[in-house]
C-alpha cells in the first residue's frame, strides 16, 4: 500500500531527525494510525551538493529548498520539512508555511577547542562560519578574530574544529540539541550579543496552499506561539529584502498575549550596527515585523542595503 503522506526533506542527519520529529508528532496528534503511513523522502539539494563555495556565491538560501519545493509542486511529496531559518523570505507561488512545531532554543552556540570562551580566545583566533550574521555580530565583540568561510552539516563542521582547521565555530543550539550534541557547546550566546536568524530553532512545514486535505490533517501539530513569532520574523526579513548577503538578526517572542520583535542589522565587519525592538498585541505579529524592518532601513539609510549587495564579502 502507498503511504498516506510523503514528507520531503534534505538528507543531512539533522534534517532527517527533524523529519522524524514531524512524523512522530503526526502519529501522536493527527488522524494517522501508524508510522508506516508516512514516508520520509530525502532530496539532495544544490546547497548540499556544493560545499566548497559560500552560499552568496552560488545563489543564496533557496539552494537548500528549491529541489524540495519543486517536488512539492510536482506532487511527488505531500509536505516539506525545513529548518525555518533556511527558508527565503519569499516562497514559490502556490506554496506556504502551514505549520510550525514548538520552537526549541533559538540561540547560537559557541564551540571552541579546549572549551575556551569568546573573551578568552587569543588575538587573531580563526573562527569558521558560513553566516554573515554570525560573523558580523562576533566581530562586534572581537574585531581581532580571523573569520573564515565554513559550510557543511553539523558533523562536518565539528570535525573541522576537532582536527584544528579552525579554533572555534558557531552553530544553532537547537540543531545540536536535536542531534544529541548539546554537551559539546562551550557557551551559549546571550541574545544581547548574538541575535538569532529569523526562524532559528523552529521546524517549519511547507505545503501546497490548495491542498486543503493535507493542511487540515497536519494542523493539530501546529504551535500558534511559534507560528506567530516566525511570521513576525519573516515579515521583518521580507521588508528588508534580506538574503544571505544581509547580516541581520531577528527574534520575536510571545508572552501573555503580547509579542516583542527585535531586529539588528549590521555591516559585514560589525562596525555599523542598527537595532530596534517593538512590542504590541500578539495578533499584530506580521505588522510589527514589517515595522521593525522599515525602522531598520530608515536607521541604516538608503545606501546601506545596496552596499551589502555590491560589496565584496
Protein backbone atom coordinates (compact mmCIF):
# COMPACT_ATOMS: atom_id res chain seq x y z
CA UNK A 1 0.00 0.00 0.00
CA UNK A 2 1.06 3.57 -0.69
CA UNK A 3 1.90 5.69 2.37
CA UNK A 4 -0.75 8.23 3.29
CA UNK A 5 1.77 11.09 3.47
CA UNK A 6 5.16 11.67 1.84
CA UNK A 7 7.50 14.06 3.65
CA UNK A 8 10.26 15.71 1.63
CA UNK A 9 13.43 16.75 3.43
CA UNK A 10 17.13 17.31 2.96
CA UNK A 11 19.21 14.24 3.61
CA UNK A 12 21.54 15.59 6.30
CA UNK A 13 21.46 13.89 9.72
CA UNK A 14 19.80 16.94 11.28
CA UNK A 15 17.19 17.23 8.52
CA UNK A 16 16.28 13.56 8.91
CA UNK A 17 15.95 13.95 12.69
CA UNK A 18 13.61 16.88 12.12
CA UNK A 19 11.53 14.91 9.60
CA UNK A 20 11.28 12.06 12.14
CA UNK A 21 10.14 14.57 14.77
CA UNK A 22 7.36 15.74 12.44
CA UNK A 23 6.37 12.15 11.63
CA UNK A 24 6.17 11.23 15.31
CA UNK A 25 4.09 14.33 16.07
CA UNK A 26 1.66 13.49 13.27
CA UNK A 27 1.18 9.93 14.51
CA UNK A 28 0.61 11.21 18.06
CA UNK A 29 -1.68 14.15 17.35
CA UNK A 30 -3.13 13.86 13.82
CA UNK A 31 -5.51 11.36 12.27
CA UNK A 32 -2.74 8.96 11.22
CA UNK A 33 -2.72 5.42 12.56
CA UNK A 34 0.91 4.36 12.24
CA UNK A 35 4.46 5.47 11.38
CA UNK A 36 4.28 3.28 8.24
CA UNK A 37 1.57 5.59 6.89
CA UNK A 38 4.22 8.32 6.50
CA UNK A 39 7.19 8.02 4.16
CA UNK A 40 10.26 10.24 4.51
CA UNK A 41 11.69 11.16 1.10
CA UNK A 42 15.28 12.53 1.27
CA UNK A 43 16.02 15.02 -1.51
CA UNK A 44 19.53 16.25 -2.23
CA UNK A 45 19.59 20.00 -2.78
CA UNK A 46 22.07 22.15 -4.68
CA UNK A 47 23.17 23.66 -1.37
CA UNK A 48 24.07 20.19 -0.10
CA UNK A 49 25.92 19.23 -3.27
CA UNK A 50 28.11 22.35 -3.50
CA UNK A 51 30.12 22.68 -0.30
CA UNK A 52 33.26 24.47 -1.49
CA UNK A 53 31.73 27.91 -2.06
CA UNK A 54 29.80 30.36 0.06
CA UNK A 55 26.03 30.47 -0.37
CA UNK A 56 26.06 34.05 -1.63
CA UNK A 57 28.35 32.97 -4.50
CA UNK A 58 26.02 30.23 -5.73
CA UNK A 59 22.55 31.62 -5.25
CA UNK A 60 21.67 32.01 -1.59
CA UNK A 61 19.31 30.34 0.85
CA UNK A 62 16.96 28.99 -1.81
CA UNK A 63 19.59 26.42 -2.75
CA UNK A 64 18.54 24.39 0.31
CA UNK A 65 14.87 24.40 -0.67
CA UNK A 66 14.28 24.66 -4.41
CA UNK A 67 14.54 20.94 -5.29
CA UNK A 68 12.29 20.07 -2.36
CA UNK A 69 9.79 22.75 -3.34
CA UNK A 70 9.78 21.50 -6.93
CA UNK A 71 8.95 18.01 -5.68
CA UNK A 72 6.09 19.56 -3.71
CA UNK A 73 4.79 21.42 -6.77
CA UNK A 74 5.14 18.24 -8.86
CA UNK A 75 3.13 16.30 -6.22
CA UNK A 76 5.97 13.83 -5.65
CA UNK A 77 5.72 14.71 -1.95
CA UNK A 78 2.81 16.00 0.15
CA UNK A 79 4.70 18.25 2.53
CA UNK A 80 8.23 19.52 3.11
CA UNK A 81 10.04 19.81 6.43
CA UNK A 82 12.56 22.63 6.76
CA UNK A 83 14.71 24.42 9.28
CA UNK A 84 12.75 27.68 9.17
CA UNK A 85 15.96 29.74 9.15
CA UNK A 86 16.87 28.19 5.76
CA UNK A 87 13.70 29.49 4.11
CA UNK A 88 13.94 32.50 1.76
CA UNK A 89 11.69 35.44 2.65
CA UNK A 90 9.57 34.81 -0.46
CA UNK A 91 8.19 31.35 -1.29
CA UNK A 92 7.22 29.99 -4.73
CA UNK A 93 3.70 30.75 -5.87
CA UNK A 94 1.23 28.19 -4.58
CA UNK A 95 3.31 27.16 -1.58
CA UNK A 96 3.14 28.28 2.04
CA UNK A 97 4.43 27.54 5.51
CA UNK A 98 1.35 25.95 7.04
CA UNK A 99 2.58 24.59 10.38
CA UNK A 100 5.42 25.08 12.86
CA UNK A 101 6.42 22.68 15.60
CA UNK A 102 7.11 24.17 19.02
CA UNK A 103 10.33 26.11 18.78
CA UNK A 104 13.43 24.91 20.56
CA UNK A 105 16.13 27.22 21.94
CA UNK A 106 16.70 29.82 19.17
CA UNK A 107 20.11 30.96 20.41
CA UNK A 108 23.56 30.46 18.87
CA UNK A 109 26.25 28.28 20.41
CA UNK A 110 29.99 28.90 20.63
CA UNK A 111 32.13 25.79 20.24
CA UNK A 112 35.86 26.14 20.77
CA UNK A 113 38.82 23.84 21.05
CA UNK A 114 39.63 23.23 24.71
CA UNK A 115 36.35 24.95 25.63
CA UNK A 116 37.83 28.44 25.55
CA UNK A 117 35.27 31.25 25.88
CA UNK A 118 34.93 34.06 23.34
CA UNK A 119 36.57 36.53 25.71
CA UNK A 120 39.49 34.20 26.49
CA UNK A 121 40.38 33.33 22.88
CA UNK A 122 43.83 34.52 21.77
CA UNK A 123 44.12 37.53 19.49
CA UNK A 124 43.61 36.65 15.84
CA UNK A 125 41.98 33.30 16.53
CA UNK A 126 40.46 31.63 13.47
CA UNK A 127 36.70 31.15 13.61
CA UNK A 128 34.82 29.23 10.95
CA UNK A 129 31.29 30.19 9.92
CA UNK A 130 29.32 30.50 6.70
CA UNK A 131 26.92 33.03 8.23
CA UNK A 132 27.46 36.75 7.67
CA UNK A 133 25.04 37.38 10.55
CA UNK A 134 27.15 35.37 12.99
CA UNK A 135 30.42 36.78 11.66
CA UNK A 136 29.30 40.41 11.89
CA UNK A 137 27.98 40.08 15.44
CA UNK A 138 31.06 38.16 16.54
CA UNK A 139 33.32 40.88 15.08
CA UNK A 140 31.39 43.43 17.16
CA UNK A 141 32.59 41.52 20.22
CA UNK A 142 36.06 40.55 18.95
CA UNK A 143 37.17 42.61 15.92
CA UNK A 144 40.56 40.85 16.01
CA UNK A 145 39.14 37.45 15.06
CA UNK A 146 40.02 35.91 11.70
CA UNK A 147 36.70 34.76 10.23
CA UNK A 148 36.94 32.07 7.55
CA UNK A 149 34.10 30.58 5.48
CA UNK A 150 32.95 27.16 6.66
CA UNK A 151 29.99 25.18 5.36
CA UNK A 152 28.71 21.63 5.68
CA UNK A 153 26.43 19.78 8.05
CA UNK A 154 26.93 19.80 11.82
CA UNK A 155 29.16 16.71 11.83
CA UNK A 156 31.37 18.17 9.08
CA UNK A 157 31.83 21.46 10.90
CA UNK A 158 32.59 19.83 14.23
CA UNK A 159 35.11 17.56 12.53
CA UNK A 160 36.91 20.63 11.17
CA UNK A 161 37.00 22.03 14.69
CA UNK A 162 38.31 18.77 16.17
CA UNK A 163 41.10 18.49 13.57
CA UNK A 164 42.27 22.05 14.20
CA UNK A 165 41.25 23.59 10.89
CA UNK A 166 39.61 26.33 12.96
CA UNK A 167 39.91 27.39 16.59
CA UNK A 168 36.16 27.80 17.06
CA UNK A 169 32.83 27.81 15.27
CA UNK A 170 29.21 28.80 15.84
CA UNK A 171 26.14 26.60 15.43
CA UNK A 172 22.48 26.72 16.39
CA UNK A 173 21.76 25.39 19.87
CA UNK A 174 18.58 23.71 18.61
CA UNK A 175 20.38 21.72 15.93
CA UNK A 176 22.98 20.45 18.37
CA UNK A 177 20.27 19.51 20.85
CA UNK A 178 18.29 17.60 18.23
CA UNK A 179 21.44 15.65 17.34
CA UNK A 180 22.23 14.88 20.97
CA UNK A 181 25.39 17.00 20.88
CA UNK A 182 24.41 19.86 23.18
CA UNK A 183 27.09 18.82 25.69
CA UNK A 184 29.76 19.83 23.16
CA UNK A 185 28.80 23.50 23.46
CA UNK A 186 31.38 25.74 25.12
CA UNK A 187 28.96 28.60 25.80
CA UNK A 188 25.59 29.84 24.59
CA UNK A 189 25.47 33.43 23.38
CA UNK A 190 23.25 35.88 25.21
CA UNK A 191 20.66 37.41 22.89
CA UNK A 192 22.18 40.85 23.54
CA UNK A 193 25.42 39.64 21.96
CA UNK A 194 24.06 37.44 19.15
CA UNK A 195 20.50 37.86 17.86
CA UNK A 196 19.49 34.66 16.03
CA UNK A 197 18.49 34.24 12.41
CA UNK A 198 14.78 34.59 11.65
CA UNK A 199 13.14 31.22 12.22
CA UNK A 200 16.14 29.69 14.01
CA UNK A 201 15.18 26.75 16.20
CA UNK A 202 11.78 26.30 14.54
CA UNK A 203 10.83 23.40 12.27
CA UNK A 204 8.54 24.65 9.51
CA UNK A 205 6.24 22.53 7.33
CA UNK A 206 5.63 23.74 3.79
CA UNK A 207 2.63 22.59 1.77
CA UNK A 208 0.65 23.38 -1.36
CA UNK A 209 -1.82 26.11 -0.48
CA UNK A 210 -4.60 24.38 -2.43
CA UNK A 211 -4.07 21.01 -0.73
CA UNK A 212 -6.78 21.51 1.86
CA UNK A 213 -6.84 17.86 2.93
CA UNK A 214 -3.15 17.84 3.89
CA UNK A 215 -3.34 21.27 5.50
CA UNK A 216 -6.28 20.17 7.65
CA UNK A 217 -4.59 16.88 8.54
CA UNK A 218 -1.39 18.46 9.87
CA UNK A 219 -2.94 21.44 11.65
CA UNK A 220 -3.15 19.67 15.05
CA UNK A 221 0.66 19.71 15.39
CA UNK A 222 0.94 23.47 14.84
CA UNK A 223 2.28 25.63 17.68
CA UNK A 224 0.49 29.01 17.45
CA UNK A 225 3.12 30.84 19.53
CA UNK A 226 5.93 29.63 17.28
CA UNK A 227 3.90 30.38 14.16
CA UNK A 228 3.26 33.94 15.33
CA UNK A 229 6.91 34.56 16.19
CA UNK A 230 8.25 33.18 12.91
CA UNK A 231 5.60 35.09 10.94
CA UNK A 232 6.83 38.33 12.53
CA UNK A 233 10.48 37.48 11.88
CA UNK A 234 9.83 36.59 8.24
CA UNK A 235 7.80 39.76 7.75
CA UNK A 236 10.78 41.77 9.00
CA UNK A 237 13.15 39.87 6.71
CA UNK A 238 10.85 40.39 3.71
CA UNK A 239 10.65 44.13 4.42
CA UNK A 240 14.44 44.29 4.45
CA UNK A 241 14.52 42.18 1.27
CA UNK A 242 17.09 40.23 3.22
CA UNK A 243 19.06 37.27 1.90
CA UNK A 244 22.34 35.52 2.66
CA UNK A 245 24.18 38.79 1.93
CA UNK A 246 22.32 40.52 4.76
CA UNK A 247 23.88 40.37 8.26
CA UNK A 248 20.62 40.59 10.17
CA UNK A 249 19.37 39.02 13.37
CA UNK A 250 15.65 38.96 14.14
CA UNK A 251 13.89 37.42 17.11
CA UNK A 252 10.24 37.61 18.13
CA UNK A 253 8.92 36.41 21.47
CA UNK A 254 5.32 36.00 22.62
CA UNK A 255 4.30 36.28 26.24
CA UNK A 256 0.96 36.95 27.90
CA UNK A 257 -0.76 37.84 24.66
CA UNK A 258 1.90 40.30 23.52
CA UNK A 259 4.79 39.98 21.07
CA UNK A 260 8.19 41.67 21.09
CA UNK A 261 10.13 41.83 17.83
CA UNK A 262 13.82 42.69 17.97
CA UNK A 263 15.97 43.25 14.90
CA UNK A 264 19.65 44.04 14.38
CA UNK A 265 21.17 44.99 11.02
CA UNK A 266 24.94 45.19 10.67
CA UNK A 267 27.74 45.82 8.23
CA UNK A 268 29.73 42.64 7.50
CA UNK A 269 32.63 43.85 9.66
CA UNK A 270 30.29 44.59 12.57
CA UNK A 271 31.36 48.23 12.81
CA UNK A 272 27.96 49.59 11.82
CA UNK A 273 25.01 48.31 13.82
CA UNK A 274 21.37 49.38 13.77
CA UNK A 275 18.89 47.93 16.22
CA UNK A 276 15.22 48.30 17.09
CA UNK A 277 12.70 46.47 19.29
CA UNK A 278 8.94 46.94 19.19
CA UNK A 279 6.14 45.26 21.05
CA UNK A 280 2.39 45.02 20.67
CA UNK A 281 -0.57 42.63 20.70
CA UNK A 282 0.25 39.10 19.52
CA UNK A 283 -2.33 39.48 16.75
CA UNK A 284 -0.21 42.24 15.22
CA UNK A 285 2.82 39.98 14.72
CA UNK A 286 3.18 40.48 10.97
CA UNK A 287 2.61 44.24 11.16
CA UNK A 288 5.20 44.61 13.94
CA UNK A 289 7.71 42.58 11.95
CA UNK A 290 7.26 44.85 8.95
CA UNK A 291 7.57 47.92 11.17
CA UNK A 292 10.84 46.68 12.68
CA UNK A 293 12.21 46.07 9.18
CA UNK A 294 11.14 49.53 7.97
CA UNK A 295 12.67 51.20 11.04
CA UNK A 296 15.98 49.39 10.49
CA UNK A 297 16.01 50.55 6.88
CA UNK A 298 15.37 54.12 8.00
CA UNK A 299 18.18 53.95 10.54
CA UNK A 300 20.65 52.49 8.07
CA UNK A 301 19.88 54.98 5.30
CA UNK A 302 19.20 54.49 1.59
CA UNK A 303 22.64 53.31 0.51
CA UNK A 304 23.30 50.73 3.21
CA UNK A 305 21.44 47.76 1.72
CA UNK A 306 22.90 48.48 -1.72
CA UNK A 307 26.37 48.43 -0.20
CA UNK A 308 25.73 44.94 1.18
CA UNK A 309 24.82 43.64 -2.28
CA UNK A 310 27.66 45.34 -4.07
CA UNK A 311 30.49 45.00 -1.59
CA UNK A 312 33.00 42.12 -1.60
CA UNK A 313 32.18 39.56 1.11
